[in-house]
Amino acid sequence: QVPLAESGGGSVQAGGSLRLSCTAPIFKNNNMGWFRQVPGKEREGVAAIDKKGRTMYADSVQGRFTISRDNAKTTLYLQMNSLKPEDTAKYYCAARSSIFMDASLTPNDYYRWGQGTQVTVSS
């Protein structure tokens, strides 16, 4: 079984919504995050959730995106509302080492990554 597997990406019009999912059955005790990247640019932290369910968001998505986990902590979600063309990117689910208690939006703090799912927002 793939340890981190994103799904739910697609092409939508500006103002629309998407919900991304990440199946992560072996990272129940890890802080998790969503990141995005476009070719030639640095990977950007979008949202993160810690072991207690506390969340943090990039300023650019605050109020529009929501990160959550199911009760069993086997699936991570990113609900994206009011999408903008600037949200277009490949979105990645990632896990931080279980020795850390806090969430992070820094890509280098994460050690396991999925393959990504493409989100394209048209104007």
C-alpha atoms as a PDB file:
ATOM      1  CA  GLN A   1       0.000   0.000   0.000  1.00  0.00           C
ATOM      2  CA  VAL A   2       1.215   3.493  -0.881  1.00  0.00           C
ATOM      3  CA  PRO A   3       1.946   5.325   2.419  1.00  0.00           C
ATOM      4  CA  LEU A   4       0.763   8.749   1.182  1.00  0.00           C
ATOM      5  CA  ALA A   5      -1.665   9.052  -1.719  1.00  0.00           C
ATOM      6  CA  GLU A   6      -3.371  12.295  -2.736  1.00  0.00           C
ATOM      7  CA  SER A   7      -6.569  12.531  -4.733  1.00  0.00           C
ATOM      8  CA  GLY A   8      -9.302  15.026  -5.537  1.00  0.00           C
ATOM      9  CA  GLY A   9      -7.462  17.454  -7.771  1.00  0.00           C
ATOM     10  CA  GLY A  10      -8.904  18.741 -10.998  1.00  0.00           C
ATOM     11  CA  SER A  11      -9.790  21.780 -13.065  1.00  0.00           C
ATOM     12  CA  VAL A  12     -12.324  24.308 -11.768  1.00  0.00           C
ATOM     13  CA  GLN A  13     -13.402  27.875 -12.419  1.00  0.00           C
ATOM     14  CA  ALA A  14     -12.412  30.695 -10.103  1.00  0.00           C
ATOM     15  CA  GLY A  15     -14.751  30.812  -7.142  1.00  0.00           C
ATOM     16  CA  GLY A  16     -15.307  27.079  -7.183  1.00  0.00           C
ATOM     17  CA  SER A  17     -14.409  24.448  -4.613  1.00  0.00           C
ATOM     18  CA  LEU A  18     -12.428  21.242  -4.385  1.00  0.00           C
ATOM     19  CA  ARG A  19     -11.709  18.802  -1.598  1.00  0.00           C
ATOM     20  CA  LEU A  20      -8.368  17.052  -1.645  1.00  0.00           C
ATOM     21  CA  SER A  21      -7.843  13.781   0.195  1.00  0.00           C
ATOM     22  CA  CYS A  22      -4.684  12.066   1.361  1.00  0.00           C
ATOM     23  CA  THR A  23      -4.786   8.448   2.410  1.00  0.00           C
ATOM     24  CA  ALA A  24      -2.093   8.059   5.075  1.00  0.00           C
ATOM     25  CA  PRO A  25      -2.764   4.956   7.162  1.00  0.00           C
ATOM     26  CA  ILE A  26       0.709   4.652   8.736  1.00  0.00           C
ATOM     27  CA  PHE A  27       1.017   8.253   9.979  1.00  0.00           C
ATOM     28  CA  LYS A  28      -1.605   8.313  12.720  1.00  0.00           C
ATOM     29  CA  ASN A  29       0.855   9.806  15.221  1.00  0.00           C
ATOM     30  CA  ASN A  30       2.383  12.388  12.903  1.00  0.00           C
ATOM     31  CA  ASN A  31       1.741  16.045  12.305  1.00  0.00           C
ATOM     32  CA  MET A  32       0.526  16.414   8.742  1.00  0.00           C
ATOM     33  CA  GLY A  33       0.552  19.145   6.154  1.00  0.00           C
ATOM     34  CA  TRP A  34      -0.519  20.236   2.707  1.00  0.00           C
ATOM     35  CA  PHE A  35       1.945  21.963   0.396  1.00  0.00           C
ATOM     36  CA  ARG A  36       1.841  23.217  -3.161  1.00  0.00           C
ATOM     37  CA  GLN A  37       4.378  23.840  -5.866  1.00  0.00           C
ATOM     38  CA  VAL A  38       4.556  25.157  -9.405  1.00  0.00           C
ATOM     39  CA  PRO A  39       7.443  24.332 -11.766  1.00  0.00           C
ATOM     40  CA  GLY A  40      10.554  26.397 -11.094  1.00  0.00           C
ATOM     41  CA  LYS A  41       9.358  27.722  -7.740  1.00  0.00           C
ATOM     42  CA  GLU A  42       9.858  26.685  -4.141  1.00  0.00           C
ATOM     43  CA  ARG A  43       7.413  24.392  -2.439  1.00  0.00           C
ATOM     44  CA  GLU A  44       4.991  26.414  -0.321  1.00  0.00           C
ATOM     45  CA  GLY A  45       3.289  25.452   2.911  1.00  0.00           C
ATOM     46  CA  VAL A  46      -0.497  25.743   2.675  1.00  0.00           C
ATOM     47  CA  ALA A  47      -1.981  24.193   5.803  1.00  0.00           C
ATOM     48  CA  ALA A  48      -0.922  21.943   8.663  1.00  0.00           C
ATOM     49  CA  ILE A  49      -2.531  20.066  11.528  1.00  0.00           C
ATOM     50  CA  ASP A  50      -0.877  18.791  14.690  1.00  0.00           C
ATOM     51  CA  LYS A  51      -1.501  15.707  16.792  1.00  0.00           C
ATOM     52  CA  LYS A  52      -4.156  17.483  18.864  1.00  0.00           C
ATOM     53  CA  GLY A  53      -6.041  18.780  15.847  1.00  0.00           C
ATOM     54  CA  ARG A  54      -4.738  22.332  16.018  1.00  0.00           C
ATOM     55  CA  THR A  55      -4.351  23.918  12.599  1.00  0.00           C
ATOM     56  CA  MET A  56      -2.314  26.608  10.903  1.00  0.00           C
ATOM     57  CA  TYR A  57      -2.600  28.214   7.473  1.00  0.00           C
ATOM     58  CA  ALA A  58      -0.658  30.316   5.048  1.00  0.00           C
ATOM     59  CA  ASP A  59      -1.925  33.885   4.917  1.00  0.00           C
ATOM     60  CA  SER A  60      -2.810  33.441   1.255  1.00  0.00           C
ATOM     61  CA  VAL A  61      -5.396  30.735   2.008  1.00  0.00           C
ATOM     62  CA  GLN A  62      -6.633  31.787   5.459  1.00  0.00           C
ATOM     63  CA  GLY A  63     -10.413  31.813   5.522  1.00  0.00           C
ATOM     64  CA  ARG A  64     -10.718  29.872   2.275  1.00  0.00           C
ATOM     65  CA  PHE A  65      -9.038  26.521   2.986  1.00  0.00           C
ATOM     66  CA  THR A  66      -9.659  24.079   5.829  1.00  0.00           C
ATOM     67  CA  ILE A  67      -7.423  21.179   6.815  1.00  0.00           C
ATOM     68  CA  SER A  68      -8.862  18.254   8.749  1.00  0.00           C
ATOM     69  CA  ARG A  69      -8.407  14.570   9.571  1.00  0.00           C
ATOM     70  CA  ASP A  70     -10.903  11.802  10.017  1.00  0.00           C
ATOM     71  CA  ASN A  71     -11.410  10.339  13.492  1.00  0.00           C
ATOM     72  CA  ALA A  72      -9.176   7.358  12.788  1.00  0.00           C
ATOM     73  CA  LYS A  73      -6.457   9.685  11.435  1.00  0.00           C
ATOM     74  CA  THR A  74      -6.088   7.574   8.331  1.00  0.00           C
ATOM     75  CA  THR A  75      -7.170  10.294   5.905  1.00  0.00           C
ATOM     76  CA  LEU A  76      -6.172  13.947   5.626  1.00  0.00           C
ATOM     77  CA  TYR A  77      -8.379  16.483   3.856  1.00  0.00           C
ATOM     78  CA  LEU A  78      -8.019  19.940   2.409  1.00  0.00           C
ATOM     79  CA  GLN A  79     -11.292  21.698   1.681  1.00  0.00           C
ATOM     80  CA  MET A  80     -10.620  24.537  -0.751  1.00  0.00           C
ATOM     81  CA  ASN A  81     -13.295  27.176  -1.281  1.00  0.00           C
ATOM     82  CA  SER A  82     -13.334  30.425  -3.252  1.00  0.00           C
ATOM     83  CA  LEU A  83     -10.510  29.168  -5.421  1.00  0.00           C
ATOM     84  CA  LYS A  84      -8.391  31.662  -7.318  1.00  0.00           C
ATOM     85  CA  PRO A  85      -6.171  31.215 -10.395  1.00  0.00           C
ATOM     86  CA  GLU A  86      -3.159  31.810  -8.131  1.00  0.00           C
ATOM     87  CA  ASP A  87      -4.066  28.604  -6.285  1.00  0.00           C
ATOM     88  CA  THR A  88      -3.096  26.620  -9.383  1.00  0.00           C
ATOM     89  CA  ALA A  89      -0.330  24.206  -8.379  1.00  0.00           C
ATOM     90  CA  LYS A  90       0.463  20.611  -7.667  1.00  0.00           C
ATOM     91  CA  TYR A  91      -0.642  19.857  -4.113  1.00  0.00           C
ATOM     92  CA  TYR A  92       1.250  17.462  -1.876  1.00  0.00           C
ATOM     93  CA  CYS A  93       0.391  15.715   1.350  1.00  0.00           C
ATOM     94  CA  ALA A  94       3.299  15.269   3.759  1.00  0.00           C
ATOM     95  CA  ALA A  95       4.114  13.790   7.163  1.00  0.00           C
ATOM     96  CA  ARG A  96       6.434  15.200   9.809  1.00  0.00           C
ATOM     97  CA  SER A  97       8.540  12.972  12.042  1.00  0.00           C
ATOM     98  CA  SER A  98       6.486  11.620  14.937  1.00  0.00           C
ATOM     99  CA  ILE A  99       9.020  12.899  17.490  1.00  0.00           C
ATOM    100  CA  PHE A 100       7.709  16.443  16.984  1.00  0.00           C
ATOM    101  CA  MET A 101       4.573  17.688  18.708  1.00  0.00           C
ATOM    102  CA  ASP A 102       3.915  20.785  16.607  1.00  0.00           C
ATOM    103  CA  ALA A 103       2.667  21.418  13.109  1.00  0.00           C
ATOM    104  CA  SER A 104       4.755  23.348  10.613  1.00  0.00           C
ATOM    105  CA  LEU A 105       4.432  25.072   7.250  1.00  0.00           C
ATOM    106  CA  THR A 106       8.116  24.586   6.456  1.00  0.00           C
ATOM    107  CA  PRO A 107       8.656  21.920   3.777  1.00  0.00           C
ATOM    108  CA  ASN A 108      12.043  20.904   5.191  1.00  0.00           C
ATOM    109  CA  ASP A 109      10.353  19.869   8.445  1.00  0.00           C
ATOM    110  CA  TYR A 110       8.622  16.999   6.652  1.00  0.00           C
ATOM    111  CA  TYR A 111      10.200  13.698   5.746  1.00  0.00           C
ATOM    112  CA  ARG A 112       7.573  11.781   3.757  1.00  0.00           C
ATOM    113  CA  TRP A 113       5.732  13.026   0.710  1.00  0.00           C
ATOM    114  CA  GLY A 114       3.024  11.862  -1.628  1.00  0.00           C
ATOM    115  CA  GLN A 115       3.218  12.133  -5.399  1.00  0.00           C
ATOM    116  CA  GLY A 116       0.885  15.121  -5.577  1.00  0.00           C
ATOM    117  CA  THR A 117      -2.390  15.989  -7.257  1.00  0.00           C
ATOM    118  CA  GLN A 118      -2.822  18.817  -9.747  1.00  0.00           C
ATOM    119  CA  VAL A 119      -5.222  21.682  -9.085  1.00  0.00           C
ATOM    120  CA  THR A 120      -5.936  24.087 -11.932  1.00  0.00           C
ATOM    121  CA  VAL A 121      -8.151  27.139 -11.445  1.00  0.00           C
ATOM    122  CA  SER A 122      -9.271  29.087 -14.506  1.00  0.00           C
ATOM    123  CA  SER A 123     -10.462  32.680 -14.548  1.00  0.00           C
END
